[in-house]
PDB file of N, CA and C in Angstrom:
ATOM      1  N   MET A   1     -39.711   7.258-135.858  1.00  0.00           N
ATOM      2  CA  MET A   1     -38.878   8.378-135.398  1.00  0.00           C
ATOM      3  C   MET A   1     -37.543   8.312-136.141  1.00  0.00           C
ATOM      4  N   THR A   2     -37.091   9.442-136.612  1.00  0.00           N
ATOM      5  CA  THR A   2     -35.861   9.527-137.358  1.00  0.00           C
ATOM      6  C   THR A   2     -34.634   9.333-136.422  1.00  0.00           C
ATOM      7  N   PRO A   3     -33.507   8.912-136.956  1.00  0.00           N
ATOM      8  CA  PRO A   3     -32.311   8.805-136.100  1.00  0.00           C
ATOM      9  C   PRO A   3     -31.915  10.102-135.450  1.00  0.00           C
ATOM     10  N   ALA A   4     -32.092  11.217-136.139  1.00  0.00           N
ATOM     11  CA  ALA A   4     -31.745  12.504-135.574  1.00  0.00           C
ATOM     12  C   ALA A   4     -32.617  12.821-134.390  1.00  0.00           C
ATOM     13  N   ALA A   5     -33.930  12.498-134.498  1.00  0.00           N
ATOM     14  CA  ALA A   5     -34.861  12.745-133.381  1.00  0.00           C
ATOM     15  C   ALA A   5     -34.536  11.864-132.194  1.00  0.00           C
ATOM     16  N   ARG A   6     -34.159  10.605-132.458  1.00  0.00           N
ATOM     17  CA  ARG A   6     -33.765   9.700-131.352  1.00  0.00           C
ATOM     18  C   ARG A   6     -32.508  10.200-130.670  1.00  0.00           C
ATOM     19  N   PHE A   7     -31.576  10.682-131.416  1.00  0.00           N
ATOM     20  CA  PHE A   7     -30.322  11.238-130.841  1.00  0.00           C
ATOM     21  C   PHE A   7     -30.668  12.482-129.999  1.00  0.00           C
ATOM     22  N   TYR A   8     -31.535  13.317-130.517  1.00  0.00           N
ATOM     23  CA  TYR A   8     -31.924  14.518-129.802  1.00  0.00           C
ATOM     24  C   TYR A   8     -32.635  14.161-128.518  1.00  0.00           C
ATOM     25  N   ASN A   9     -33.516  13.169-128.521  1.00  0.00           N
ATOM     26  CA  ASN A   9     -34.236  12.756-127.312  1.00  0.00           C
ATOM     27  C   ASN A   9     -33.253  12.213-126.280  1.00  0.00           C
ATOM     28  N   ARG A  10     -32.267  11.440-126.672  1.00  0.00           N
ATOM     29  CA  ARG A  10     -31.274  10.918-125.744  1.00  0.00           C
ATOM     30  C   ARG A  10     -30.467  12.058-125.119  1.00  0.00           C
ATOM     31  N   ALA A  11     -30.113  13.043-125.949  1.00  0.00           N
ATOM     32  CA  ALA A  11     -29.316  14.157-125.456  1.00  0.00           C
ATOM     33  C   ALA A  11     -30.123  15.004-124.467  1.00  0.00           C
ATOM     34  N   VAL A  12     -31.404  15.207-124.741  1.00  0.00           N
ATOM     35  CA  VAL A  12     -32.243  15.993-123.854  1.00  0.00           C
ATOM     36  C   VAL A  12     -32.473  15.226-122.565  1.00  0.00           C
ATOM     37  N   CYS A  13     -32.729  13.939-122.636  1.00  0.00           N
ATOM     38  CA  CYS A  13     -32.940  13.134-121.427  1.00  0.00           C
ATOM     39  C   CYS A  13     -31.688  13.056-120.571  1.00  0.00           C
ATOM     40  N   ALA A  14     -30.519  13.073-121.193  1.00  0.00           N
ATOM     41  CA  ALA A  14     -29.267  12.952-120.423  1.00  0.00           C
ATOM     42  C   ALA A  14     -29.004  14.261-119.651  1.00  0.00           C
ATOM     43  N   ARG A  15     -29.410  15.401-120.178  1.00  0.00           N
ATOM     44  CA  ARG A  15     -29.152  16.659-119.511  1.00  0.00           C
ATOM     45  C   ARG A  15     -30.436  17.444-119.363  1.00  0.00           C
ATOM     46  N   VAL A  16     -31.198  17.081-118.380  1.00  0.00           N
ATOM     47  CA  VAL A  16     -32.447  17.741-118.129  1.00  0.00           C
ATOM     48  C   VAL A  16     -32.180  19.154-117.602  1.00  0.00           C
ATOM     49  N   GLY A  17     -32.875  20.146-118.114  1.00  0.00           N
ATOM     50  CA  GLY A  17     -32.695  21.522-117.707  1.00  0.00           C
ATOM     51  C   GLY A  17     -31.614  22.289-118.443  1.00  0.00           C
ATOM     52  N   GLU A  18     -30.782  21.582-119.201  1.00  0.00           N
ATOM     53  CA  GLU A  18     -29.732  22.254-119.981  1.00  0.00           C
ATOM     54  C   GLU A  18     -29.999  22.045-121.441  1.00  0.00           C
ATOM     55  N   GLU A  19     -30.162  23.146-122.198  1.00  0.00           N
ATOM     56  CA  GLU A  19     -30.473  23.051-123.602  1.00  0.00           C
ATOM     57  C   GLU A  19     -29.231  22.648-124.394  1.00  0.00           C
ATOM     58  N   ARG A  20     -29.380  21.654-125.242  1.00  0.00           N
ATOM     59  CA  ARG A  20     -28.314  21.222-126.114  1.00  0.00           C
ATOM     60  C   ARG A  20     -28.758  21.381-127.562  1.00  0.00           C
ATOM     61  N   LYS A  21     -27.883  21.852-128.362  1.00  0.00           N
ATOM     62  CA  LYS A  21     -28.206  22.021-129.771  1.00  0.00           C
ATOM     63  C   LYS A  21     -27.560  20.867-130.534  1.00  0.00           C
ATOM     64  N   ILE A  22     -28.373  20.239-131.364  1.00  0.00           N
ATOM     65  CA  ILE A  22     -27.936  19.079-132.132  1.00  0.00           C
ATOM     66  C   ILE A  22     -27.853  19.466-133.603  1.00  0.00           C
ATOM     67  N   TYR A  23     -26.801  19.037-134.253  1.00  0.00           N
ATOM     68  CA  TYR A  23     -26.553  19.347-135.669  1.00  0.00           C
ATOM     69  C   TYR A  23     -26.442  18.087-136.477  1.00  0.00           C
ATOM     70  N   THR A  24     -26.725  18.193-137.794  1.00  0.00           N
ATOM     71  CA  THR A  24     -26.590  17.076-138.708  1.00  0.00           C
ATOM     72  C   THR A  24     -25.744  17.507-139.895  1.00  0.00           C
ATOM     73  N   CYS A  25     -24.795  16.663-140.282  1.00  0.00           N
ATOM     74  CA  CYS A  25     -23.996  16.927-141.470  1.00  0.00           C
ATOM     75  C   CYS A  25     -24.817  16.660-142.716  1.00  0.00           C
ATOM     76  N   MET A  26     -24.746  17.512-143.717  1.00  0.00           N
ATOM     77  CA  MET A  26     -25.503  17.346-144.961  1.00  0.00           C
ATOM     78  C   MET A  26     -24.818  16.363-145.927  1.00  0.00           C
ATOM     79  N   ARG A  27     -23.555  16.009-145.695  1.00  0.00           N
ATOM     80  CA  ARG A  27     -22.885  15.044-146.556  1.00  0.00           C
ATOM     81  C   ARG A  27     -22.990  13.646-145.974  1.00  0.00           C
ATOM     82  N   CYS A  28     -22.524  13.429-144.750  1.00  0.00           N
ATOM     83  CA  CYS A  28     -22.466  12.091-144.197  1.00  0.00           C
ATOM     84  C   CYS A  28     -23.704  11.725-143.374  1.00  0.00           C
ATOM     85  N   GLY A  29     -24.492  12.710-142.962  1.00  0.00           N
ATOM     86  CA  GLY A  29     -25.738  12.457-142.267  1.00  0.00           C
ATOM     87  C   GLY A  29     -25.573  12.125-140.759  1.00  0.00           C
ATOM     88  N   LYS A  30     -24.355  12.263-140.243  1.00  0.00           N
ATOM     89  CA  LYS A  30     -24.160  11.988-138.802  1.00  0.00           C
ATOM     90  C   LYS A  30     -24.640  13.141-137.976  1.00  0.00           C
ATOM     91  N   THR A  31     -25.103  12.837-136.753  1.00  0.00           N
ATOM     92  CA  THR A  31     -25.571  13.863-135.815  1.00  0.00           C
ATOM     93  C   THR A  31     -24.520  14.073-134.745  1.00  0.00           C
ATOM     94  N   PHE A  32     -24.407  15.317-134.293  1.00  0.00           N
ATOM     95  CA  PHE A  32     -23.425  15.654-133.269  1.00  0.00           C
ATOM     96  C   PHE A  32     -23.844  16.912-132.550  1.00  0.00           C
ATOM     97  N   SER A  33     -23.202  17.166-131.401  1.00  0.00           N
ATOM     98  CA  SER A  33     -23.556  18.364-130.614  1.00  0.00           C
ATOM     99  C   SER A  33     -22.523  19.467-130.843  1.00  0.00           C
ATOM    100  N   LYS A  34     -22.787  20.598-130.308  1.00  0.00           N
ATOM    101  CA  LYS A  34     -21.880  21.769-130.484  1.00  0.00           C
ATOM    102  C   LYS A  34     -20.477  21.507-129.922  1.00  0.00           C
ATOM    103  N   PRO A  35     -20.322  20.906-128.695  1.00  0.00           N
ATOM    104  CA  PRO A  35     -18.953  20.647-128.221  1.00  0.00           C
ATOM    105  C   PRO A  35     -18.165  19.717-129.141  1.00  0.00           C
ATOM    106  N   GLU A  36     -18.839  18.760-129.801  1.00  0.00           N
ATOM    107  CA  GLU A  36     -18.155  17.892-130.745  1.00  0.00           C
ATOM    108  C   GLU A  36     -17.724  18.685-131.971  1.00  0.00           C
ATOM    109  N   MET A  37     -18.534  19.633-132.381  1.00  0.00           N
ATOM    110  CA  MET A  37     -18.251  20.424-133.575  1.00  0.00           C
ATOM    111  C   MET A  37     -17.071  21.379-133.307  1.00  0.00           C
ATOM    112  N   GLU A  38     -16.890  21.780-132.075  1.00  0.00           N
ATOM    113  CA  GLU A  38     -15.811  22.731-131.744  1.00  0.00           C
ATOM    114  C   GLU A  38     -14.406  22.114-131.715  1.00  0.00           C
ATOM    115  N   ILE A  39     -14.316  20.829-131.981  1.00  0.00           N
ATOM    116  CA  ILE A  39     -13.006  20.152-132.033  1.00  0.00           C
ATOM    117  C   ILE A  39     -12.156  20.744-133.165  1.00  0.00           C
ATOM    118  N   LEU A  40     -12.791  20.986-134.334  1.00  0.00           N
ATOM    119  CA  LEU A  40     -12.104  21.570-135.473  1.00  0.00           C
ATOM    120  C   LEU A  40     -12.293  23.074-135.499  1.00  0.00           C
ATOM    121  N   PRO A  41     -11.378  23.806-136.076  1.00  0.00           N
ATOM    122  CA  PRO A  41     -11.557  25.265-136.190  1.00  0.00           C
ATOM    123  C   PRO A  41     -12.678  25.563-137.175  1.00  0.00           C
ATOM    124  N   GLY A  42     -13.489  26.539-136.864  1.00  0.00           N
ATOM    125  CA  GLY A  42     -14.601  26.899-137.741  1.00  0.00           C
ATOM    126  C   GLY A  42     -15.802  25.984-137.510  1.00  0.00           C
ATOM    127  N   ILE A  43     -16.758  26.092-138.409  1.00  0.00           N
ATOM    128  CA  ILE A  43     -17.982  25.267-138.285  1.00  0.00           C
ATOM    129  C   ILE A  43     -17.891  24.169-139.316  1.00  0.00           C
ATOM    130  N   ARG A  44     -17.559  22.977-138.870  1.00  0.00           N
ATOM    131  CA  ARG A  44     -17.379  21.790-139.743  1.00  0.00           C
ATOM    132  C   ARG A  44     -17.864  20.551-139.070  1.00  0.00           C
ATOM    133  N   CYS A  45     -18.194  19.583-139.874  1.00  0.00           N
ATOM    134  CA  CYS A  45     -18.550  18.236-139.342  1.00  0.00           C
ATOM    135  C   CYS A  45     -17.302  17.591-138.770  1.00  0.00           C
ATOM    136  N   PRO A  46     -17.346  17.077-137.525  1.00  0.00           N
ATOM    137  CA  PRO A  46     -16.165  16.439-136.956  1.00  0.00           C
ATOM    138  C   PRO A  46     -15.837  15.090-137.563  1.00  0.00           C
ATOM    139  N   TYR A  47     -16.760  14.523-138.359  1.00  0.00           N
ATOM    140  CA  TYR A  47     -16.524  13.210-138.953  1.00  0.00           C
ATOM    141  C   TYR A  47     -15.941  13.291-140.378  1.00  0.00           C
ATOM    142  N   CYS A  48     -16.538  14.181-141.232  1.00  0.00           N
ATOM    143  CA  CYS A  48     -16.094  14.230-142.617  1.00  0.00           C
ATOM    144  C   CYS A  48     -15.492  15.584-143.023  1.00  0.00           C
ATOM    145  N   ASN A  49     -15.486  16.562-142.094  1.00  0.00           N
ATOM    146  CA  ASN A  49     -14.909  17.884-142.302  1.00  0.00           C
ATOM    147  C   ASN A  49     -15.679  18.743-143.332  1.00  0.00           C
ATOM    148  N   PHE A  50     -16.957  18.435-143.532  1.00  0.00           N
ATOM    149  CA  PHE A  50     -17.792  19.157-144.491  1.00  0.00           C
ATOM    150  C   PHE A  50     -18.325  20.415-143.822  1.00  0.00           C
ATOM    151  N   LYS A  51     -18.461  21.508-144.594  1.00  0.00           N
ATOM    152  CA  LYS A  51     -18.846  22.801-144.003  1.00  0.00           C
ATOM    153  C   LYS A  51     -20.337  22.992-143.839  1.00  0.00           C
ATOM    154  N   ILE A  52     -21.171  22.297-144.585  1.00  0.00           N
ATOM    155  CA  ILE A  52     -22.611  22.536-144.551  1.00  0.00           C
ATOM    156  C   ILE A  52     -23.249  21.626-143.545  1.00  0.00           C
ATOM    157  N   ILE A  53     -23.772  22.221-142.446  1.00  0.00           N
ATOM    158  CA  ILE A  53     -24.428  21.480-141.414  1.00  0.00           C
ATOM    159  C   ILE A  53     -25.836  22.065-141.189  1.00  0.00           C
ATOM    160  N   MET A  54     -26.712  21.276-140.587  1.00  0.00           N
ATOM    161  CA  MET A  54     -28.084  21.715-140.340  1.00  0.00           C
ATOM    162  C   MET A  54     -28.411  21.499-138.879  1.00  0.00           C
ATOM    163  N   LYS A  55     -29.103  22.463-138.269  1.00  0.00           N
ATOM    164  CA  LYS A  55     -29.522  22.339-136.881  1.00  0.00           C
ATOM    165  C   LYS A  55     -30.817  21.485-136.865  1.00  0.00           C
ATOM    166  N   VAL A  56     -30.830  20.459-136.041  1.00  0.00           N
ATOM    167  CA  VAL A  56     -32.002  19.588-135.919  1.00  0.00           C
ATOM    168  C   VAL A  56     -33.061  20.256-135.086  1.00  0.00           C
ATOM    169  N   ARG A  57     -34.262  20.276-135.564  1.00  0.00           N
ATOM    170  CA  ARG A  57     -35.363  20.823-134.772  1.00  0.00           C
ATOM    171  C   ARG A  57     -35.760  19.903-133.683  1.00  0.00           C
ATOM    172  N   SER A  58     -36.243  20.433-132.588  1.00  0.00           N
ATOM    173  CA  SER A  58     -36.678  19.594-131.493  1.00  0.00           C
ATOM    174  C   SER A  58     -37.998  18.916-131.900  1.00  0.00           C
ATOM    175  N   PRO A  59     -38.241  17.690-131.457  1.00  0.00           N
ATOM    176  CA  PRO A  59     -39.469  16.971-131.834  1.00  0.00           C
ATOM    177  C   PRO A  59     -40.701  17.524-131.169  1.00  0.00           C
ATOM    178  N   ALA A  60     -40.548  18.413-130.186  1.00  0.00           N
ATOM    179  CA  ALA A  60     -41.699  18.956-129.458  1.00  0.00           C
ATOM    180  C   ALA A  60     -42.422  20.007-130.306  1.00  0.00           C
ATOM    181  N   VAL A  61     -43.742  20.005-130.231  1.00  0.00           N
ATOM    182  CA  VAL A  61     -44.550  20.960-130.986  1.00  0.00           C
ATOM    183  C   VAL A  61     -45.006  22.044-130.027  1.00  0.00           C
ATOM    184  N   LYS A  62     -44.830  23.295-130.416  1.00  0.00           N
ATOM    185  CA  LYS A  62     -45.287  24.389-129.572  1.00  0.00           C
ATOM    186  C   LYS A  62     -46.698  24.766-130.004  1.00  0.00           C
ATOM    187  N   ARG A  63     -47.548  24.969-129.005  1.00  0.00           N
ATOM    188  CA  ARG A  63     -48.933  25.422-129.275  1.00  0.00           C
ATOM    189  C   ARG A  63     -49.015  26.889-128.860  1.00  0.00           C
ATOM    190  N   VAL A  64     -49.514  27.692-129.777  1.00  0.00           N
ATOM    191  CA  VAL A  64     -49.649  29.109-129.508  1.00  0.00           C
ATOM    192  C   VAL A  64     -51.128  29.468-129.660  1.00  0.00           C
ATOM    193  N   GLN A  65     -51.621  30.170-128.676  1.00  0.00           N
ATOM    194  CA  GLN A  65     -53.070  30.544-128.698  1.00  0.00           C
ATOM    195  C   GLN A  65     -53.281  31.657-129.717  1.00  0.00           C
ATOM    196  N   ALA A  66     -54.299  31.502-130.549  1.00  0.00           N
ATOM    197  CA  ALA A  66     -54.653  32.530-131.525  1.00  0.00           C
ATOM    198  C   ALA A  66     -55.265  33.744-130.853  1.00  0.00           C
ATOM    199  N   ILE A  67     -54.969  34.918-131.383  1.00  0.00           N
ATOM    200  CA  ILE A  67     -55.503  36.151-130.813  1.00  0.00           C
ATOM    201  C   ILE A  67     -56.826  36.507-131.449  1.00  0.00           C
TER     202      ILE A  67
END
């Protein structure tokens, strides 16, 4: 399991029923949540101030029935 997936699992387990969005910085690779990102103005990494971030996908797989 990747570090981002582990972080996402911990965040989801900590707040059951409340959806949290987890982001990863493309420069430093640190993971953080939206409230941490809102510390700085605009959309930036709170650790290195880089502008390019990626939303981490949830590790859960959705199954859709074929029509």
